[in-house]
């Protein structure tokens, strides 16, 4: 069963935006978004026709990368930094969750 429109638009990971929409929203080129895909920062969903579709979460990552590149960081380095920051954030969240569960035992 599919998601309702309210569920989809509230979902950070729902691939709602085309590459053209994403590029316009970020003020960047479609090529920049393709390069983020090649650098493994984002892995856009592919529509049935093979077109890239981006989520709000992916757009936030792309915006962070664009900001870093605009400040002089190499694209590959910016992508690696963002990936590591997200991995650290997730590890900290899991650690906090684990420690919270232990206190309730």
PDB file of N, CA and C in Angstrom:
ATOM      1  N   UNK A   1       0.843  -1.179   0.000  1.00  0.00           N
ATOM      2  CA  UNK A   1       0.000   0.000   0.000  1.00  0.00           C
ATOM      3  C   UNK A   1       0.891   1.247   0.000  1.00  0.00           C
ATOM      4  N   UNK A   2       0.532   2.265  -0.773  1.00  0.00           N
ATOM      5  CA  UNK A   2       1.328   3.470  -0.888  1.00  0.00           C
ATOM      6  C   UNK A   2       1.085   4.431   0.258  1.00  0.00           C
ATOM      7  N   UNK A   3       1.928   5.435   0.338  1.00  0.00           N
ATOM      8  CA  UNK A   3       1.785   6.464   1.357  1.00  0.00           C
ATOM      9  C   UNK A   3       0.776   7.501   0.889  1.00  0.00           C
ATOM     10  N   UNK A   4       0.097   8.117   1.847  1.00  0.00           N
ATOM     11  CA  UNK A   4      -0.797   9.218   1.501  1.00  0.00           C
ATOM     12  C   UNK A   4       0.053  10.444   1.210  1.00  0.00           C
ATOM     13  N   UNK A   5      -0.483  11.439   0.486  1.00  0.00           N
ATOM     14  CA  UNK A   5       0.307  12.648   0.212  1.00  0.00           C
ATOM     15  C   UNK A   5       0.830  13.320   1.474  1.00  0.00           C
ATOM     16  N   UNK A   6       0.040  13.358   2.540  1.00  0.00           N
ATOM     17  CA  UNK A   6       0.506  13.973   3.784  1.00  0.00           C
ATOM     18  C   UNK A   6       1.715  13.232   4.346  1.00  0.00           C
ATOM     19  N   UNK A   7       1.680  11.898   4.291  1.00  0.00           N
ATOM     20  CA  UNK A   7       2.798  11.096   4.774  1.00  0.00           C
ATOM     21  C   UNK A   7       4.045  11.338   3.922  1.00  0.00           C
ATOM     22  N   UNK A   8       3.866  11.401   2.599  1.00  0.00           N
ATOM     23  CA  UNK A   8       4.997  11.558   1.689  1.00  0.00           C
ATOM     24  C   UNK A   8       5.691  12.906   1.896  1.00  0.00           C
ATOM     25  N   UNK A   9       4.924  13.975   2.002  1.00  0.00           N
ATOM     26  CA  UNK A   9       5.530  15.293   2.107  1.00  0.00           C
ATOM     27  C   UNK A   9       6.119  15.544   3.488  1.00  0.00           C
ATOM     28  N   UNK A  10       5.701  14.789   4.486  1.00  0.00           N
ATOM     29  CA  UNK A  10       6.277  14.897   5.812  1.00  0.00           C
ATOM     30  C   UNK A  10       7.507  14.013   5.973  1.00  0.00           C
ATOM     31  N   UNK A  11       7.758  13.156   4.994  1.00  0.00           N
ATOM     32  CA  UNK A  11       8.849  12.190   5.050  1.00  0.00           C
ATOM     33  C   UNK A  11      10.132  12.819   4.487  1.00  0.00           C
ATOM     34  N   UNK A  12      11.149  12.939   5.332  1.00  0.00           N
ATOM     35  CA  UNK A  12      12.431  13.524   4.935  1.00  0.00           C
ATOM     36  C   UNK A  12      13.098  12.752   3.799  1.00  0.00           C
ATOM     37  N   UNK A  13      12.785  11.462   3.688  1.00  0.00           N
ATOM     38  CA  UNK A  13      13.460  10.610   2.715  1.00  0.00           C
ATOM     39  C   UNK A  13      12.636  10.357   1.456  1.00  0.00           C
ATOM     40  N   UNK A  14      11.456  10.957   1.366  1.00  0.00           N
ATOM     41  CA  UNK A  14      10.624  10.752   0.174  1.00  0.00           C
ATOM     42  C   UNK A  14      11.238  11.483  -1.018  1.00  0.00           C
ATOM     43  N   UNK A  15      11.502  10.781  -2.120  1.00  0.00           N
ATOM     44  CA  UNK A  15      12.147  11.400  -3.286  1.00  0.00           C
ATOM     45  C   UNK A  15      11.166  12.257  -4.098  1.00  0.00           C
ATOM     46  N   UNK A  16      10.948  13.467  -3.653  1.00  0.00           N
ATOM     47  CA  UNK A  16       9.903  14.313  -4.226  1.00  0.00           C
ATOM     48  C   UNK A  16      10.381  15.261  -5.322  1.00  0.00           C
ATOM     49  N   UNK A  17      11.698  15.468  -5.447  1.00  0.00           N
ATOM     50  CA  UNK A  17      12.193  16.537  -6.319  1.00  0.00           C
ATOM     51  C   UNK A  17      12.999  15.997  -7.494  1.00  0.00           C
ATOM     52  N   UNK A  18      12.732  16.530  -8.681  1.00  0.00           N
ATOM     53  CA  UNK A  18      13.517  16.177  -9.863  1.00  0.00           C
ATOM     54  C   UNK A  18      14.869  16.857  -9.778  1.00  0.00           C
ATOM     55  N   UNK A  19      15.783  16.460 -10.634  1.00  0.00           N
ATOM     56  CA  UNK A  19      17.110  17.069 -10.631  1.00  0.00           C
ATOM     57  C   UNK A  19      17.021  18.559 -10.980  1.00  0.00           C
ATOM     58  N   UNK A  20      16.122  18.922 -11.877  1.00  0.00           N
ATOM     59  CA  UNK A  20      15.948  20.327 -12.227  1.00  0.00           C
ATOM     60  C   UNK A  20      15.421  21.142 -11.057  1.00  0.00           C
ATOM     61  N   UNK A  21      14.426  20.597 -10.356  1.00  0.00           N
ATOM     62  CA  UNK A  21      13.884  21.281  -9.180  1.00  0.00           C
ATOM     63  C   UNK A  21      14.944  21.410  -8.103  1.00  0.00           C
ATOM     64  N   UNK A  22      15.693  20.330  -7.873  1.00  0.00           N
ATOM     65  CA  UNK A  22      16.725  20.333  -6.833  1.00  0.00           C
ATOM     66  C   UNK A  22      17.798  21.362  -7.154  1.00  0.00           C
ATOM     67  N   UNK A  23      18.256  21.402  -8.404  1.00  0.00           N
ATOM     68  CA  UNK A  23      19.292  22.355  -8.801  1.00  0.00           C
ATOM     69  C   UNK A  23      18.799  23.788  -8.624  1.00  0.00           C
ATOM     70  N   UNK A  24      17.560  24.040  -9.003  1.00  0.00           N
ATOM     71  CA  UNK A  24      17.000  25.386  -8.858  1.00  0.00           C
ATOM     72  C   UNK A  24      16.885  25.776  -7.390  1.00  0.00           C
ATOM     73  N   UNK A  25      16.400  24.864  -6.560  1.00  0.00           N
ATOM     74  CA  UNK A  25      16.251  25.151  -5.134  1.00  0.00           C
ATOM     75  C   UNK A  25      17.591  25.457  -4.479  1.00  0.00           C
ATOM     76  N   UNK A  26      18.644  24.766  -4.913  1.00  0.00           N
ATOM     77  CA  UNK A  26      19.969  24.929  -4.315  1.00  0.00           C
ATOM     78  C   UNK A  26      20.787  26.029  -4.977  1.00  0.00           C
ATOM     79  N   UNK A  27      20.298  26.531  -6.103  1.00  0.00           N
ATOM     80  CA  UNK A  27      21.053  27.549  -6.824  1.00  0.00           C
ATOM     81  C   UNK A  27      22.340  27.001  -7.403  1.00  0.00           C
ATOM     82  N   UNK A  28      22.282  25.783  -7.895  1.00  0.00           N
ATOM     83  CA  UNK A  28      23.461  25.126  -8.450  1.00  0.00           C
ATOM     84  C   UNK A  28      23.092  24.474  -9.776  1.00  0.00           C
ATOM     85  N   UNK A  29      24.033  23.799 -10.376  1.00  0.00           N
ATOM     86  CA  UNK A  29      23.772  23.148 -11.657  1.00  0.00           C
ATOM     87  C   UNK A  29      23.373  21.686 -11.453  1.00  0.00           C
ATOM     88  N   UNK A  30      22.734  21.132 -12.468  1.00  0.00           N
ATOM     89  CA  UNK A  30      22.399  19.712 -12.437  1.00  0.00           C
ATOM     90  C   UNK A  30      23.680  18.882 -12.445  1.00  0.00           C
ATOM     91  N   UNK A  31      24.706  19.374 -13.121  1.00  0.00           N
ATOM     92  CA  UNK A  31      25.987  18.678 -13.152  1.00  0.00           C
ATOM     93  C   UNK A  31      26.580  18.556 -11.745  1.00  0.00           C
ATOM     94  N   UNK A  32      26.439  19.605 -10.934  1.00  0.00           N
ATOM     95  CA  UNK A  32      26.932  19.556  -9.559  1.00  0.00           C
ATOM     96  C   UNK A  32      26.251  18.413  -8.804  1.00  0.00           C
ATOM     97  N   UNK A  33      24.940  18.277  -8.976  1.00  0.00           N
ATOM     98  CA  UNK A  33      24.216  17.191  -8.302  1.00  0.00           C
ATOM     99  C   UNK A  33      24.674  15.829  -8.814  1.00  0.00           C
ATOM    100  N   UNK A  34      24.932  15.719 -10.100  1.00  0.00           N
ATOM    101  CA  UNK A  34      25.436  14.452 -10.647  1.00  0.00           C
ATOM    102  C   UNK A  34      26.804  14.122 -10.051  1.00  0.00           C
ATOM    103  N   UNK A  35      27.635  15.134  -9.865  1.00  0.00           N
ATOM    104  CA  UNK A  35      28.961  14.921  -9.275  1.00  0.00           C
ATOM    105  C   UNK A  35      28.850  14.464  -7.821  1.00  0.00           C
ATOM    106  N   UNK A  36      27.843  14.945  -7.090  1.00  0.00           N
ATOM    107  CA  UNK A  36      27.631  14.478  -5.712  1.00  0.00           C
ATOM    108  C   UNK A  36      27.240  13.009  -5.701  1.00  0.00           C
ATOM    109  N   UNK A  37      26.479  12.608  -6.705  1.00  0.00           N
ATOM    110  CA  UNK A  37      26.103  11.204  -6.863  1.00  0.00           C
ATOM    111  C   UNK A  37      27.360  10.372  -7.143  1.00  0.00           C
ATOM    112  N   UNK A  38      28.211  10.837  -8.048  1.00  0.00           N
ATOM    113  CA  UNK A  38      29.451  10.127  -8.382  1.00  0.00           C
ATOM    114  C   UNK A  38      30.378  10.026  -7.174  1.00  0.00           C
ATOM    115  N   UNK A  39      30.371  11.065  -6.341  1.00  0.00           N
ATOM    116  CA  UNK A  39      31.222  11.084  -5.138  1.00  0.00           C
ATOM    117  C   UNK A  39      30.610  10.291  -3.986  1.00  0.00           C
ATOM    118  N   UNK A  40      29.447   9.704  -4.212  1.00  0.00           N
ATOM    119  CA  UNK A  40      28.756   8.843  -3.229  1.00  0.00           C
ATOM    120  C   UNK A  40      28.213   9.595  -2.021  1.00  0.00           C
ATOM    121  N   UNK A  41      28.043  10.928  -2.151  1.00  0.00           N
ATOM    122  CA  UNK A  41      27.442  11.674  -1.046  1.00  0.00           C
ATOM    123  C   UNK A  41      25.944  11.413  -0.999  1.00  0.00           C
ATOM    124  N   UNK A  42      25.318  11.437  -2.155  1.00  0.00           N
ATOM    125  CA  UNK A  42      23.887  11.167  -2.227  1.00  0.00           C
ATOM    126  C   UNK A  42      23.643  10.110  -3.294  1.00  0.00           C
ATOM    127  N   UNK A  43      22.641   9.320  -3.073  1.00  0.00           N
ATOM    128  CA  UNK A  43      22.257   8.268  -4.012  1.00  0.00           C
ATOM    129  C   UNK A  43      20.786   8.485  -4.334  1.00  0.00           C
ATOM    130  N   UNK A  44      20.499   9.333  -5.331  1.00  0.00           N
ATOM    131  CA  UNK A  44      19.102   9.662  -5.599  1.00  0.00           C
ATOM    132  C   UNK A  44      18.299   8.445  -6.046  1.00  0.00           C
ATOM    133  N   UNK A  45      17.048   8.469  -5.681  1.00  0.00           N
ATOM    134  CA  UNK A  45      16.105   7.440  -6.135  1.00  0.00           C
ATOM    135  C   UNK A  45      15.972   7.578  -7.647  1.00  0.00           C
ATOM    136  N   UNK A  46      15.722   6.500  -8.327  1.00  0.00           N
ATOM    137  CA  UNK A  46      15.490   6.549  -9.773  1.00  0.00           C
ATOM    138  C   UNK A  46      14.021   6.243 -10.040  1.00  0.00           C
ATOM    139  N   UNK A  47      13.393   7.098 -10.830  1.00  0.00           N
ATOM    140  CA  UNK A  47      11.994   6.881 -11.210  1.00  0.00           C
ATOM    141  C   UNK A  47      11.931   5.694 -12.167  1.00  0.00           C
ATOM    142  N   UNK A  48      10.734   5.260 -12.496  1.00  0.00           N
ATOM    143  CA  UNK A  48      10.560   4.149 -13.433  1.00  0.00           C
ATOM    144  C   UNK A  48      11.245   4.458 -14.767  1.00  0.00           C
ATOM    145  N   UNK A  49      11.296   5.733 -15.130  1.00  0.00           N
ATOM    146  CA  UNK A  49      11.943   6.143 -16.374  1.00  0.00           C
ATOM    147  C   UNK A  49      13.443   6.369 -16.230  1.00  0.00           C
ATOM    148  N   UNK A  50      13.998   6.153 -15.030  1.00  0.00           N
ATOM    149  CA  UNK A  50      15.424   6.293 -14.804  1.00  0.00           C
ATOM    150  C   UNK A  50      15.871   7.685 -14.399  1.00  0.00           C
ATOM    151  N   UNK A  51      14.926   8.589 -14.143  1.00  0.00           N
ATOM    152  CA  UNK A  51      15.270   9.957 -13.766  1.00  0.00           C
ATOM    153  C   UNK A  51      15.586  10.054 -12.275  1.00  0.00           C
ATOM    154  N   UNK A  52      16.552  10.901 -11.942  1.00  0.00           N
ATOM    155  CA  UNK A  52      16.931  11.099 -10.543  1.00  0.00           C
ATOM    156  C   UNK A  52      15.827  11.851  -9.803  1.00  0.00           C
ATOM    157  N   UNK A  53      15.561  11.399  -8.566  1.00  0.00           N
ATOM    158  CA  UNK A  53      14.598  12.062  -7.682  1.00  0.00           C
ATOM    159  C   UNK A  53      15.271  12.217  -6.326  1.00  0.00           C
ATOM    160  N   UNK A  54      15.151  13.424  -5.754  1.00  0.00           N
ATOM    161  CA  UNK A  54      15.854  13.761  -4.518  1.00  0.00           C
ATOM    162  C   UNK A  54      14.890  14.003  -3.362  1.00  0.00           C
ATOM    163  N   UNK A  55      15.331  13.631  -2.174  1.00  0.00           N
ATOM    164  CA  UNK A  55      14.566  13.871  -0.946  1.00  0.00           C
ATOM    165  C   UNK A  55      15.047  15.164  -0.293  1.00  0.00           C
ATOM    166  N   UNK A  56      14.290  15.625   0.682  1.00  0.00           N
ATOM    167  CA  UNK A  56      14.712  16.822   1.428  1.00  0.00           C
ATOM    168  C   UNK A  56      16.027  16.569   2.160  1.00  0.00           C
ATOM    169  N   UNK A  57      16.185  15.370   2.700  1.00  0.00           N
ATOM    170  CA  UNK A  57      17.435  15.025   3.384  1.00  0.00           C
ATOM    171  C   UNK A  57      18.615  15.137   2.411  1.00  0.00           C
ATOM    172  N   UNK A  58      18.464  14.601   1.221  1.00  0.00           N
ATOM    173  CA  UNK A  58      19.530  14.662   0.224  1.00  0.00           C
ATOM    174  C   UNK A  58      19.817  16.106  -0.195  1.00  0.00           C
ATOM    175  N   UNK A  59      18.773  16.921  -0.275  1.00  0.00           N
ATOM    176  CA  UNK A  59      18.975  18.327  -0.627  1.00  0.00           C
ATOM    177  C   UNK A  59      19.757  19.056   0.465  1.00  0.00           C
ATOM    178  N   UNK A  60      19.525  18.704   1.718  1.00  0.00           N
ATOM    179  CA  UNK A  60      20.291  19.310   2.810  1.00  0.00           C
ATOM    180  C   UNK A  60      21.771  18.938   2.702  1.00  0.00           C
ATOM    181  N   UNK A  61      22.044  17.672   2.382  1.00  0.00           N
ATOM    182  CA  UNK A  61      23.435  17.246   2.201  1.00  0.00           C
ATOM    183  C   UNK A  61      24.069  17.995   1.029  1.00  0.00           C
ATOM    184  N   UNK A  62      23.333  18.111  -0.056  1.00  0.00           N
ATOM    185  CA  UNK A  62      23.847  18.814  -1.237  1.00  0.00           C
ATOM    186  C   UNK A  62      24.114  20.282  -0.919  1.00  0.00           C
ATOM    187  N   UNK A  63      23.244  20.896  -0.129  1.00  0.00           N
ATOM    188  CA  UNK A  63      23.436  22.303   0.252  1.00  0.00           C
ATOM    189  C   UNK A  63      24.695  22.454   1.100  1.00  0.00           C
ATOM    190  N   UNK A  64      24.933  21.502   2.000  1.00  0.00           N
ATOM    191  CA  UNK A  64      26.148  21.543   2.823  1.00  0.00           C
ATOM    192  C   UNK A  64      27.385  21.423   1.936  1.00  0.00           C
ATOM    193  N   UNK A  65      27.321  20.517   0.952  1.00  0.00           N
ATOM    194  CA  UNK A  65      28.451  20.330   0.047  1.00  0.00           C
ATOM    195  C   UNK A  65      28.692  21.601  -0.768  1.00  0.00           C
ATOM    196  N   UNK A  66      27.648  22.188  -1.269  1.00  0.00           N
ATOM    197  CA  UNK A  66      27.792  23.409  -2.069  1.00  0.00           C
ATOM    198  C   UNK A  66      28.427  24.516  -1.238  1.00  0.00           C
ATOM    199  N   UNK A  67      27.990  24.655   0.003  1.00  0.00           N
ATOM    200  CA  UNK A  67      28.547  25.682   0.887  1.00  0.00           C
ATOM    201  C   UNK A  67      30.051  25.462   1.097  1.00  0.00           C
ATOM    202  N   UNK A  68      30.437  24.222   1.325  1.00  0.00           N
ATOM    203  CA  UNK A  68      31.851  23.917   1.548  1.00  0.00           C
ATOM    204  C   UNK A  68      32.671  24.164   0.282  1.00  0.00           C
ATOM    205  N   UNK A  69      32.136  23.759  -0.870  1.00  0.00           N
ATOM    206  CA  UNK A  69      32.829  23.974  -2.136  1.00  0.00           C
ATOM    207  C   UNK A  69      32.964  25.464  -2.414  1.00  0.00           C
ATOM    208  N   UNK A  70      31.907  26.217  -2.136  1.00  0.00           N
ATOM    209  CA  UNK A  70      31.953  27.669  -2.323  1.00  0.00           C
ATOM    210  C   UNK A  70      33.016  28.316  -1.438  1.00  0.00           C
ATOM    211  N   UNK A  71      33.340  27.685  -0.304  1.00  0.00           N
ATOM    212  CA  UNK A  71      34.355  28.212   0.615  1.00  0.00           C
ATOM    213  C   UNK A  71      35.754  27.714   0.276  1.00  0.00           C
ATOM    214  N   UNK A  72      35.863  26.925  -0.819  1.00  0.00           N
ATOM    215  CA  UNK A  72      37.174  26.504  -1.291  1.00  0.00           C
ATOM    216  C   UNK A  72      37.556  25.067  -1.023  1.00  0.00           C
ATOM    217  N   UNK A  73      36.677  24.288  -0.424  1.00  0.00           N
ATOM    218  CA  UNK A  73      36.968  22.880  -0.170  1.00  0.00           C
ATOM    219  C   UNK A  73      36.763  22.090  -1.461  1.00  0.00           C
ATOM    220  N   UNK A  74      37.664  21.185  -1.764  1.00  0.00           N
ATOM    221  CA  UNK A  74      37.506  20.327  -2.939  1.00  0.00           C
ATOM    222  C   UNK A  74      36.235  19.493  -2.780  1.00  0.00           C
ATOM    223  N   UNK A  75      35.555  19.245  -3.890  1.00  0.00           N
ATOM    224  CA  UNK A  75      34.287  18.516  -3.855  1.00  0.00           C
ATOM    225  C   UNK A  75      34.422  17.163  -3.160  1.00  0.00           C
ATOM    226  N   UNK A  76      35.434  16.396  -3.529  1.00  0.00           N
ATOM    227  CA  UNK A  76      35.604  15.057  -2.945  1.00  0.00           C
ATOM    228  C   UNK A  76      35.845  15.143  -1.441  1.00  0.00           C
ATOM    229  N   UNK A  77      36.626  16.134  -1.024  1.00  0.00           N
ATOM    230  CA  UNK A  77      36.898  16.320   0.411  1.00  0.00           C
ATOM    231  C   UNK A  77      35.628  16.738   1.139  1.00  0.00           C
ATOM    232  N   UNK A  78      34.858  17.645   0.550  1.00  0.00           N
ATOM    233  CA  UNK A  78      33.604  18.086   1.169  1.00  0.00           C
ATOM    234  C   UNK A  78      32.656  16.905   1.354  1.00  0.00           C
ATOM    235  N   UNK A  79      32.556  16.077   0.334  1.00  0.00           N
ATOM    236  CA  UNK A  79      31.663  14.912   0.420  1.00  0.00           C
ATOM    237  C   UNK A  79      32.114  13.959   1.515  1.00  0.00           C
ATOM    238  N   UNK A  80      33.414  13.714   1.590  1.00  0.00           N
ATOM    239  CA  UNK A  80      33.934  12.800   2.614  1.00  0.00           C
ATOM    240  C   UNK A  80      33.692  13.355   4.019  1.00  0.00           C
ATOM    241  N   UNK A  81      33.906  14.651   4.198  1.00  0.00           N
ATOM    242  CA  UNK A  81      33.667  15.284   5.493  1.00  0.00           C
ATOM    243  C   UNK A  81      32.202  15.133   5.900  1.00  0.00           C
ATOM    244  N   UNK A  82      31.309  15.413   4.977  1.00  0.00           N
ATOM    245  CA  UNK A  82      29.873  15.338   5.273  1.00  0.00           C
ATOM    246  C   UNK A  82      29.469  13.905   5.606  1.00  0.00           C
ATOM    247  N   UNK A  83      29.989  12.940   4.853  1.00  0.00           N
ATOM    248  CA  UNK A  83      29.688  11.526   5.127  1.00  0.00           C
ATOM    249  C   UNK A  83      30.166  11.158   6.532  1.00  0.00           C
ATOM    250  N   UNK A  84      31.386  11.563   6.885  1.00  0.00           N
ATOM    251  CA  UNK A  84      31.922  11.244   8.210  1.00  0.00           C
ATOM    252  C   UNK A  84      31.137  11.942   9.317  1.00  0.00           C
ATOM    253  N   UNK A  85      30.738  13.190   9.088  1.00  0.00           N
ATOM    254  CA  UNK A  85      29.929  13.905  10.081  1.00  0.00           C
ATOM    255  C   UNK A  85      28.599  13.181  10.310  1.00  0.00           C
ATOM    256  N   UNK A  86      27.981  12.738   9.232  1.00  0.00           N
ATOM    257  CA  UNK A  86      26.704  12.038   9.375  1.00  0.00           C
ATOM    258  C   UNK A  86      26.873  10.687  10.068  1.00  0.00           C
ATOM    259  N   UNK A  87      27.968   9.986   9.765  1.00  0.00           N
ATOM    260  CA  UNK A  87      28.223   8.711  10.440  1.00  0.00           C
ATOM    261  C   UNK A  87      28.452   8.931  11.935  1.00  0.00           C
ATOM    262  N   UNK A  88      29.188   9.980  12.279  1.00  0.00           N
ATOM    263  CA  UNK A  88      29.426  10.292  13.690  1.00  0.00           C
ATOM    264  C   UNK A  88      28.117  10.642  14.390  1.00  0.00           C
ATOM    265  N   UNK A  89      27.308  11.475  13.749  1.00  0.00           N
ATOM    266  CA  UNK A  89      26.024  11.862  14.334  1.00  0.00           C
ATOM    267  C   UNK A  89      25.137  10.640  14.583  1.00  0.00           C
ATOM    268  N   UNK A  90      25.112   9.725  13.624  1.00  0.00           N
ATOM    269  CA  UNK A  90      24.310   8.508  13.788  1.00  0.00           C
ATOM    270  C   UNK A  90      24.869   7.633  14.905  1.00  0.00           C
ATOM    271  N   UNK A  91      26.193   7.503  14.996  1.00  0.00           N
ATOM    272  CA  UNK A  91      26.810   6.706  16.055  1.00  0.00           C
ATOM    273  C   UNK A  91      26.510   7.303  17.427  1.00  0.00           C
ATOM    274  N   UNK A  92      26.583   8.617  17.530  1.00  0.00           N
ATOM    275  CA  UNK A  92      26.266   9.277  18.801  1.00  0.00           C
ATOM    276  C   UNK A  92      24.798   9.072  19.174  1.00  0.00           C
ATOM    277  N   UNK A  93      23.922   9.142  18.179  1.00  0.00           N
ATOM    278  CA  UNK A  93      22.493   8.931  18.425  1.00  0.00           C
ATOM    279  C   UNK A  93      22.233   7.496  18.902  1.00  0.00           C
ATOM    280  N   UNK A  94      22.883   6.530  18.260  1.00  0.00           N
ATOM    281  CA  UNK A  94      22.729   5.132  18.655  1.00  0.00           C
ATOM    282  C   UNK A  94      23.303   4.892  20.053  1.00  0.00           C
ATOM    283  N   UNK A  95      24.429   5.508  20.352  1.00  0.00           N
ATOM    284  CA  UNK A  95      25.063   5.380  21.670  1.00  0.00           C
ATOM    285  C   UNK A  95      24.146   5.943  22.755  1.00  0.00           C
ATOM    286  N   UNK A  96      23.582   7.109  22.490  1.00  0.00           N
ATOM    287  CA  UNK A  96      22.671   7.732  23.449  1.00  0.00           C
ATOM    288  C   UNK A  96      21.432   6.857  23.652  1.00  0.00           C
ATOM    289  N   UNK A  97      20.925   6.313  22.576  1.00  0.00           N
ATOM    290  CA  UNK A  97      19.754   5.433  22.641  1.00  0.00           C
ATOM    291  C   UNK A  97      20.083   4.176  23.461  1.00  0.00           C
ATOM    292  N   UNK A  98      21.261   3.618  23.218  1.00  0.00           N
ATOM    293  CA  UNK A  98      21.695   2.412  23.928  1.00  0.00           C
ATOM    294  C   UNK A  98      21.848   2.696  25.425  1.00  0.00           C
ATOM    295  N   UNK A  99      22.482   3.801  25.770  1.00  0.00           N
ATOM    296  CA  UNK A  99      22.677   4.145  27.175  1.00  0.00           C
ATOM    297  C   UNK A  99      21.350   4.479  27.848  1.00  0.00           C
ATOM    298  N   UNK A 100      20.447   5.086  27.137  1.00  0.00           N
ATOM    299  CA  UNK A 100      19.121   5.368  27.673  1.00  0.00           C
ATOM    300  C   UNK A 100      18.358   4.094  27.978  1.00  0.00           C
ATOM    301  N   UNK A 101      18.493   3.089  27.124  1.00  0.00           N
ATOM    302  CA  UNK A 101      17.830   1.809  27.326  1.00  0.00           C
ATOM    303  C   UNK A 101      18.409   1.075  28.526  1.00  0.00           C
ATOM    304  N   UNK A 102      19.714   1.194  28.743  1.00  0.00           N
ATOM    305  CA  UNK A 102      20.361   0.520  29.889  1.00  0.00           C
ATOM    306  C   UNK A 102      19.895   1.105  31.210  1.00  0.00           C
ATOM    307  N   UNK A 103      19.618   2.397  31.253  1.00  0.00           N
ATOM    308  CA  UNK A 103      19.191   3.021  32.498  1.00  0.00           C
ATOM    309  C   UNK A 103      17.793   2.551  32.914  1.00  0.00           C
ATOM    310  N   UNK A 104      17.005   2.116  31.942  1.00  0.00           N
ATOM    311  CA  UNK A 104      15.644   1.697  32.241  1.00  0.00           C
ATOM    312  C   UNK A 104      15.550   0.210  32.564  1.00  0.00           C
ATOM    313  N   UNK A 105      16.691  -0.503  32.465  1.00  0.00           N
ATOM    314  CA  UNK A 105      16.670  -1.952  32.752  1.00  0.00           C
ATOM    315  C   UNK A 105      16.773  -2.233  34.230  1.00  0.00           C
TER     316      UNK A 105
END
